[in-house]
Amino acid sequence: MEPSSLLPLPPATFHILLAVADEDRHGYAIIQDVSARTNGELKLSAGTLYRSIARMLDQGLLTEPRRRPLPELDDERRRYYRITPFGRAVAEAESRRLSQLVRMARERGFSPGKA
């Protein structure tokens, strides 16, 4: 499957990929990361998060790693998620798509801060 076949990504999907880009995270940590990165503008509900994750696992964007944090740093009930190489390729394709949109908007005189 080509990464571009999944574009455009739903915002929640893109934010989840960004949250797990550098490290494995469990669901609550993903919610916290997205909220912090967006300065609270996007708050994923648990339902949205886990529906998105289920779809992303099926699409091959995420995987559940076998290796877990040290037991003293972990709660065995948590499920961790990791971006796959395909997930990274899809996130990169979406980043390119969004960059092109911003470039086209600026060329037409639209830019952040203009009223």
N, C-alpha and C. Protein backbone atom coordinates (compact mmCIF):
# COMPACT_ATOMS: atom_id res chain seq x y z
N MET A 1 0.85 -1.18 0.00
CA MET A 1 0.00 0.00 0.00
C MET A 1 0.89 1.24 0.00
N GLU A 2 0.50 2.22 -0.77
CA GLU A 2 1.24 3.48 -0.85
C GLU A 2 0.83 4.38 0.32
N PRO A 3 1.79 5.05 0.96
CA PRO A 3 1.42 5.98 2.04
C PRO A 3 0.38 7.01 1.61
N SER A 4 0.47 7.50 0.38
CA SER A 4 -0.45 8.53 -0.08
C SER A 4 -1.90 8.03 -0.17
N SER A 5 -2.09 6.70 -0.19
CA SER A 5 -3.44 6.16 -0.29
C SER A 5 -4.26 6.43 0.97
N LEU A 6 -3.61 6.77 2.07
CA LEU A 6 -4.32 7.05 3.32
C LEU A 6 -4.55 8.54 3.56
N LEU A 7 -4.08 9.37 2.61
CA LEU A 7 -4.19 10.82 2.80
C LEU A 7 -5.50 11.34 2.22
N PRO A 8 -6.02 12.42 2.77
CA PRO A 8 -5.53 13.13 3.95
C PRO A 8 -5.86 12.36 5.23
N LEU A 9 -4.99 12.47 6.20
CA LEU A 9 -5.21 11.80 7.48
C LEU A 9 -6.20 12.58 8.32
N PRO A 10 -7.02 11.87 9.08
CA PRO A 10 -7.82 12.57 10.09
C PRO A 10 -6.87 13.25 11.08
N PRO A 11 -7.22 14.43 11.58
CA PRO A 11 -6.32 15.12 12.52
C PRO A 11 -5.90 14.25 13.71
N ALA A 12 -6.82 13.48 14.28
CA ALA A 12 -6.46 12.65 15.43
C ALA A 12 -5.38 11.64 15.05
N THR A 13 -5.47 11.06 13.88
CA THR A 13 -4.48 10.08 13.42
C THR A 13 -3.11 10.72 13.30
N PHE A 14 -3.06 11.88 12.68
CA PHE A 14 -1.78 12.58 12.51
C PHE A 14 -1.18 12.92 13.87
N HIS A 15 -1.98 13.41 14.78
CA HIS A 15 -1.47 13.76 16.11
C HIS A 15 -1.00 12.53 16.89
N ILE A 16 -1.67 11.42 16.73
CA ILE A 16 -1.24 10.18 17.40
C ILE A 16 0.11 9.75 16.84
N LEU A 17 0.27 9.81 15.52
CA LEU A 17 1.57 9.46 14.92
C LEU A 17 2.68 10.38 15.43
N LEU A 18 2.39 11.67 15.55
CA LEU A 18 3.38 12.59 16.10
C LEU A 18 3.73 12.22 17.54
N ALA A 19 2.74 11.82 18.31
CA ALA A 19 2.96 11.50 19.73
C ALA A 19 3.86 10.28 19.92
N VAL A 20 3.81 9.34 18.99
CA VAL A 20 4.61 8.12 19.14
C VAL A 20 5.83 8.11 18.22
N ALA A 21 6.11 9.25 17.60
CA ALA A 21 7.22 9.32 16.64
C ALA A 21 8.57 9.03 17.27
N ASP A 22 8.78 9.46 18.51
CA ASP A 22 10.10 9.33 19.14
C ASP A 22 10.16 8.29 20.26
N GLU A 23 9.00 7.88 20.75
CA GLU A 23 9.02 6.89 21.83
C GLU A 23 7.68 6.18 21.92
N ASP A 24 7.73 4.96 22.43
CA ASP A 24 6.51 4.20 22.66
C ASP A 24 5.71 4.90 23.76
N ARG A 25 4.41 4.93 23.60
CA ARG A 25 3.56 5.57 24.61
C ARG A 25 2.29 4.74 24.81
N HIS A 26 1.75 4.84 26.01
CA HIS A 26 0.45 4.24 26.29
C HIS A 26 -0.63 5.30 26.02
N GLY A 27 -1.87 4.88 26.03
CA GLY A 27 -2.96 5.75 25.64
C GLY A 27 -3.02 7.08 26.38
N TYR A 28 -2.96 7.03 27.70
CA TYR A 28 -3.06 8.28 28.47
C TYR A 28 -1.90 9.21 28.15
N ALA A 29 -0.70 8.65 27.95
CA ALA A 29 0.46 9.48 27.60
C ALA A 29 0.28 10.11 26.22
N ILE A 30 -0.39 9.41 25.30
CA ILE A 30 -0.67 9.99 23.99
C ILE A 30 -1.63 11.17 24.15
N ILE A 31 -2.68 10.99 24.93
CA ILE A 31 -3.64 12.07 25.18
C ILE A 31 -2.93 13.29 25.76
N GLN A 32 -2.05 13.07 26.74
CA GLN A 32 -1.32 14.17 27.37
C GLN A 32 -0.39 14.86 26.38
N ASP A 33 0.31 14.08 25.55
CA ASP A 33 1.24 14.65 24.58
C ASP A 33 0.51 15.52 23.57
N VAL A 34 -0.61 15.03 23.06
CA VAL A 34 -1.37 15.80 22.06
C VAL A 34 -1.87 17.10 22.69
N SER A 35 -2.39 17.02 23.88
CA SER A 35 -2.89 18.22 24.54
C SER A 35 -1.76 19.22 24.78
N ALA A 36 -0.62 18.75 25.24
CA ALA A 36 0.52 19.65 25.50
C ALA A 36 1.05 20.26 24.21
N ARG A 37 1.19 19.46 23.17
CA ARG A 37 1.73 19.94 21.91
C ARG A 37 0.82 20.95 21.22
N THR A 38 -0.49 20.86 21.47
CA THR A 38 -1.45 21.78 20.85
C THR A 38 -1.89 22.87 21.83
N ASN A 39 -1.18 22.99 22.94
CA ASN A 39 -1.54 23.97 23.97
C ASN A 39 -3.00 23.84 24.39
N GLY A 40 -3.47 22.61 24.49
CA GLY A 40 -4.82 22.33 24.95
C GLY A 40 -5.91 22.53 23.90
N GLU A 41 -5.53 22.90 22.68
CA GLU A 41 -6.54 23.13 21.64
C GLU A 41 -7.17 21.84 21.14
N LEU A 42 -6.42 20.74 21.21
CA LEU A 42 -6.96 19.44 20.83
C LEU A 42 -6.86 18.51 22.02
N LYS A 43 -8.01 18.08 22.48
CA LYS A 43 -8.07 17.13 23.59
C LYS A 43 -8.78 15.88 23.08
N LEU A 44 -8.00 14.83 22.90
CA LEU A 44 -8.57 13.57 22.42
C LEU A 44 -9.36 12.90 23.53
N SER A 45 -10.56 12.48 23.25
CA SER A 45 -11.31 11.68 24.22
C SER A 45 -10.77 10.25 24.16
N ALA A 46 -11.01 9.50 25.20
CA ALA A 46 -10.56 8.10 25.21
C ALA A 46 -11.21 7.33 24.06
N GLY A 47 -12.48 7.60 23.79
CA GLY A 47 -13.17 6.91 22.70
C GLY A 47 -12.54 7.18 21.35
N THR A 48 -12.27 8.46 21.08
CA THR A 48 -11.63 8.83 19.81
C THR A 48 -10.25 8.20 19.72
N LEU A 49 -9.49 8.28 20.80
CA LEU A 49 -8.14 7.72 20.81
C LEU A 49 -8.16 6.23 20.49
N TYR A 50 -8.95 5.46 21.21
CA TYR A 50 -8.88 4.01 21.04
C TYR A 50 -9.54 3.53 19.75
N ARG A 51 -10.53 4.24 19.24
CA ARG A 51 -11.06 3.90 17.90
C ARG A 51 -10.00 4.18 16.85
N SER A 52 -9.32 5.31 16.99
CA SER A 52 -8.25 5.65 16.05
C SER A 52 -7.12 4.64 16.12
N ILE A 53 -6.71 4.28 17.32
CA ILE A 53 -5.62 3.32 17.49
C ILE A 53 -5.99 1.97 16.87
N ALA A 54 -7.21 1.51 17.10
CA ALA A 54 -7.64 0.22 16.52
C ALA A 54 -7.53 0.27 15.00
N ARG A 55 -7.98 1.37 14.39
CA ARG A 55 -7.89 1.51 12.94
C ARG A 55 -6.43 1.57 12.50
N MET A 56 -5.61 2.31 13.24
CA MET A 56 -4.20 2.47 12.89
C MET A 56 -3.44 1.15 13.00
N LEU A 57 -3.79 0.32 13.97
CA LEU A 57 -3.18 -1.00 14.08
C LEU A 57 -3.55 -1.84 12.86
N ASP A 58 -4.82 -1.80 12.46
CA ASP A 58 -5.27 -2.55 11.28
C ASP A 58 -4.58 -2.06 10.00
N GLN A 59 -4.33 -0.76 9.91
CA GLN A 59 -3.70 -0.18 8.72
C GLN A 59 -2.19 -0.37 8.70
N GLY A 60 -1.62 -0.83 9.81
CA GLY A 60 -0.18 -1.03 9.87
C GLY A 60 0.60 0.24 10.21
N LEU A 61 -0.09 1.26 10.73
CA LEU A 61 0.59 2.50 11.11
C LEU A 61 1.25 2.39 12.48
N LEU A 62 0.64 1.58 13.34
CA LEU A 62 1.14 1.36 14.70
C LEU A 62 1.28 -0.13 14.95
N THR A 63 2.09 -0.42 15.96
CA THR A 63 2.22 -1.79 16.45
C THR A 63 2.29 -1.73 17.97
N GLU A 64 2.03 -2.85 18.61
CA GLU A 64 2.20 -2.94 20.05
C GLU A 64 3.52 -3.66 20.30
N PRO A 65 4.51 -2.96 20.84
CA PRO A 65 5.81 -3.60 21.05
C PRO A 65 5.75 -4.68 22.12
N ARG A 66 6.59 -5.68 21.95
CA ARG A 66 6.67 -6.76 22.95
C ARG A 66 7.43 -6.31 24.18
N ARG A 67 8.45 -5.50 23.95
CA ARG A 67 9.27 -5.04 25.06
C ARG A 67 8.58 -3.89 25.78
N ARG A 68 8.57 -3.96 27.10
CA ARG A 68 7.88 -2.97 27.92
C ARG A 68 8.88 -2.28 28.84
N PRO A 69 8.46 -1.16 29.44
CA PRO A 69 9.35 -0.50 30.41
C PRO A 69 9.62 -1.43 31.59
N LEU A 70 10.61 -1.07 32.38
CA LEU A 70 10.92 -1.84 33.58
C LEU A 70 9.67 -1.94 34.45
N PRO A 71 9.46 -3.10 35.10
CA PRO A 71 8.24 -3.31 35.88
C PRO A 71 7.97 -2.21 36.92
N GLU A 72 9.01 -1.68 37.52
CA GLU A 72 8.80 -0.63 38.53
C GLU A 72 8.36 0.70 37.90
N LEU A 73 8.53 0.83 36.59
CA LEU A 73 8.12 2.04 35.89
C LEU A 73 6.84 1.83 35.07
N ASP A 74 6.26 0.66 35.20
CA ASP A 74 5.16 0.28 34.32
C ASP A 74 3.94 -0.17 35.12
N ASP A 75 2.81 -0.10 34.47
CA ASP A 75 1.57 -0.67 34.98
C ASP A 75 1.19 -1.74 33.96
N GLU A 76 1.11 -2.98 34.37
CA GLU A 76 0.90 -4.08 33.44
C GLU A 76 -0.41 -3.98 32.65
N ARG A 77 -1.34 -3.15 33.11
CA ARG A 77 -2.61 -2.98 32.39
C ARG A 77 -2.46 -2.08 31.16
N ARG A 78 -1.41 -1.31 31.12
CA ARG A 78 -1.21 -0.38 30.00
C ARG A 78 -0.81 -1.12 28.73
N ARG A 79 -1.31 -0.61 27.62
CA ARG A 79 -0.89 -1.10 26.31
C ARG A 79 -0.09 0.03 25.67
N TYR A 80 1.06 -0.32 25.16
CA TYR A 80 1.95 0.67 24.54
C TYR A 80 1.85 0.56 23.03
N TYR A 81 2.13 1.68 22.36
CA TYR A 81 2.03 1.74 20.91
C TYR A 81 3.30 2.35 20.34
N ARG A 82 3.69 1.84 19.17
CA ARG A 82 4.92 2.27 18.49
C ARG A 82 4.58 2.53 17.03
N ILE A 83 5.16 3.58 16.48
CA ILE A 83 4.98 3.87 15.06
C ILE A 83 5.76 2.83 14.24
N THR A 84 5.20 2.41 13.14
CA THR A 84 5.88 1.45 12.26
C THR A 84 6.60 2.24 11.16
N PRO A 85 7.49 1.60 10.42
CA PRO A 85 8.10 2.29 9.27
C PRO A 85 7.04 2.81 8.29
N PHE A 86 5.99 2.03 8.07
CA PHE A 86 4.91 2.49 7.20
C PHE A 86 4.20 3.70 7.82
N GLY A 87 3.98 3.66 9.12
CA GLY A 87 3.36 4.79 9.81
C GLY A 87 4.20 6.05 9.68
N ARG A 88 5.50 5.90 9.77
CA ARG A 88 6.41 7.04 9.62
C ARG A 88 6.33 7.59 8.18
N ALA A 89 6.27 6.69 7.20
CA ALA A 89 6.16 7.12 5.80
C ALA A 89 4.85 7.85 5.55
N VAL A 90 3.77 7.38 6.16
CA VAL A 90 2.47 8.06 6.02
C VAL A 90 2.51 9.43 6.69
N ALA A 91 3.11 9.53 7.89
CA ALA A 91 3.22 10.82 8.57
C ALA A 91 4.07 11.80 7.75
N GLU A 92 5.13 11.31 7.14
CA GLU A 92 5.97 12.17 6.30
C GLU A 92 5.19 12.63 5.06
N ALA A 93 4.41 11.74 4.46
CA ALA A 93 3.60 12.12 3.29
C ALA A 93 2.56 13.16 3.68
N GLU A 94 1.95 12.99 4.83
CA GLU A 94 0.96 13.98 5.31
C GLU A 94 1.64 15.31 5.61
N SER A 95 2.83 15.28 6.16
CA SER A 95 3.57 16.53 6.42
C SER A 95 3.86 17.27 5.12
N ARG A 96 4.27 16.53 4.09
CA ARG A 96 4.50 17.15 2.78
C ARG A 96 3.21 17.75 2.22
N ARG A 97 2.12 17.01 2.35
CA ARG A 97 0.83 17.49 1.84
C ARG A 97 0.43 18.78 2.54
N LEU A 98 0.57 18.81 3.86
CA LEU A 98 0.19 20.00 4.63
C LEU A 98 1.11 21.17 4.30
N SER A 99 2.39 20.91 4.13
CA SER A 99 3.33 21.98 3.76
C SER A 99 2.96 22.59 2.41
N GLN A 100 2.57 21.75 1.46
CA GLN A 100 2.16 22.25 0.15
C GLN A 100 0.91 23.11 0.27
N LEU A 101 -0.04 22.71 1.11
CA LEU A 101 -1.25 23.50 1.31
C LEU A 101 -0.92 24.87 1.90
N VAL A 102 -0.04 24.89 2.89
CA VAL A 102 0.36 26.16 3.50
C VAL A 102 1.06 27.04 2.48
N ARG A 103 1.94 26.46 1.68
CA ARG A 103 2.64 27.23 0.65
C ARG A 103 1.65 27.84 -0.33
N MET A 104 0.68 27.04 -0.78
CA MET A 104 -0.32 27.55 -1.73
C MET A 104 -1.17 28.66 -1.09
N ALA A 105 -1.52 28.50 0.17
CA ALA A 105 -2.31 29.53 0.86
C ALA A 105 -1.52 30.83 0.96
N ARG A 106 -0.24 30.73 1.30
CA ARG A 106 0.59 31.93 1.40
C ARG A 106 0.73 32.62 0.05
N GLU A 107 0.86 31.83 -1.02
CA GLU A 107 0.96 32.40 -2.36
C GLU A 107 -0.30 33.19 -2.74
N ARG A 108 -1.43 32.83 -2.15
CA ARG A 108 -2.70 33.51 -2.41
C ARG A 108 -2.97 34.62 -1.40
N GLY A 109 -2.00 34.89 -0.55
CA GLY A 109 -2.14 35.99 0.40
C GLY A 109 -2.71 35.61 1.76
N PHE A 110 -2.92 34.33 1.97
CA PHE A 110 -3.40 33.89 3.29
C PHE A 110 -2.19 33.54 4.13
N SER A 111 -2.15 34.10 5.31
CA SER A 111 -1.06 33.75 6.22
C SER A 111 -1.56 33.90 7.63
N PRO A 112 -0.95 33.19 8.56
CA PRO A 112 -1.36 33.29 9.96
C PRO A 112 -1.29 34.74 10.43
N GLY A 113 -2.29 35.13 11.17
CA GLY A 113 -2.30 36.47 11.74
C GLY A 113 -3.01 37.49 10.89
N LYS A 114 -3.28 37.19 9.62
CA LYS A 114 -4.01 38.15 8.78
C LYS A 114 -5.50 38.03 9.07
N ALA A 115 -6.14 39.18 9.16
CA ALA A 115 -7.57 39.15 9.42
C ALA A 115 -8.36 39.47 8.17
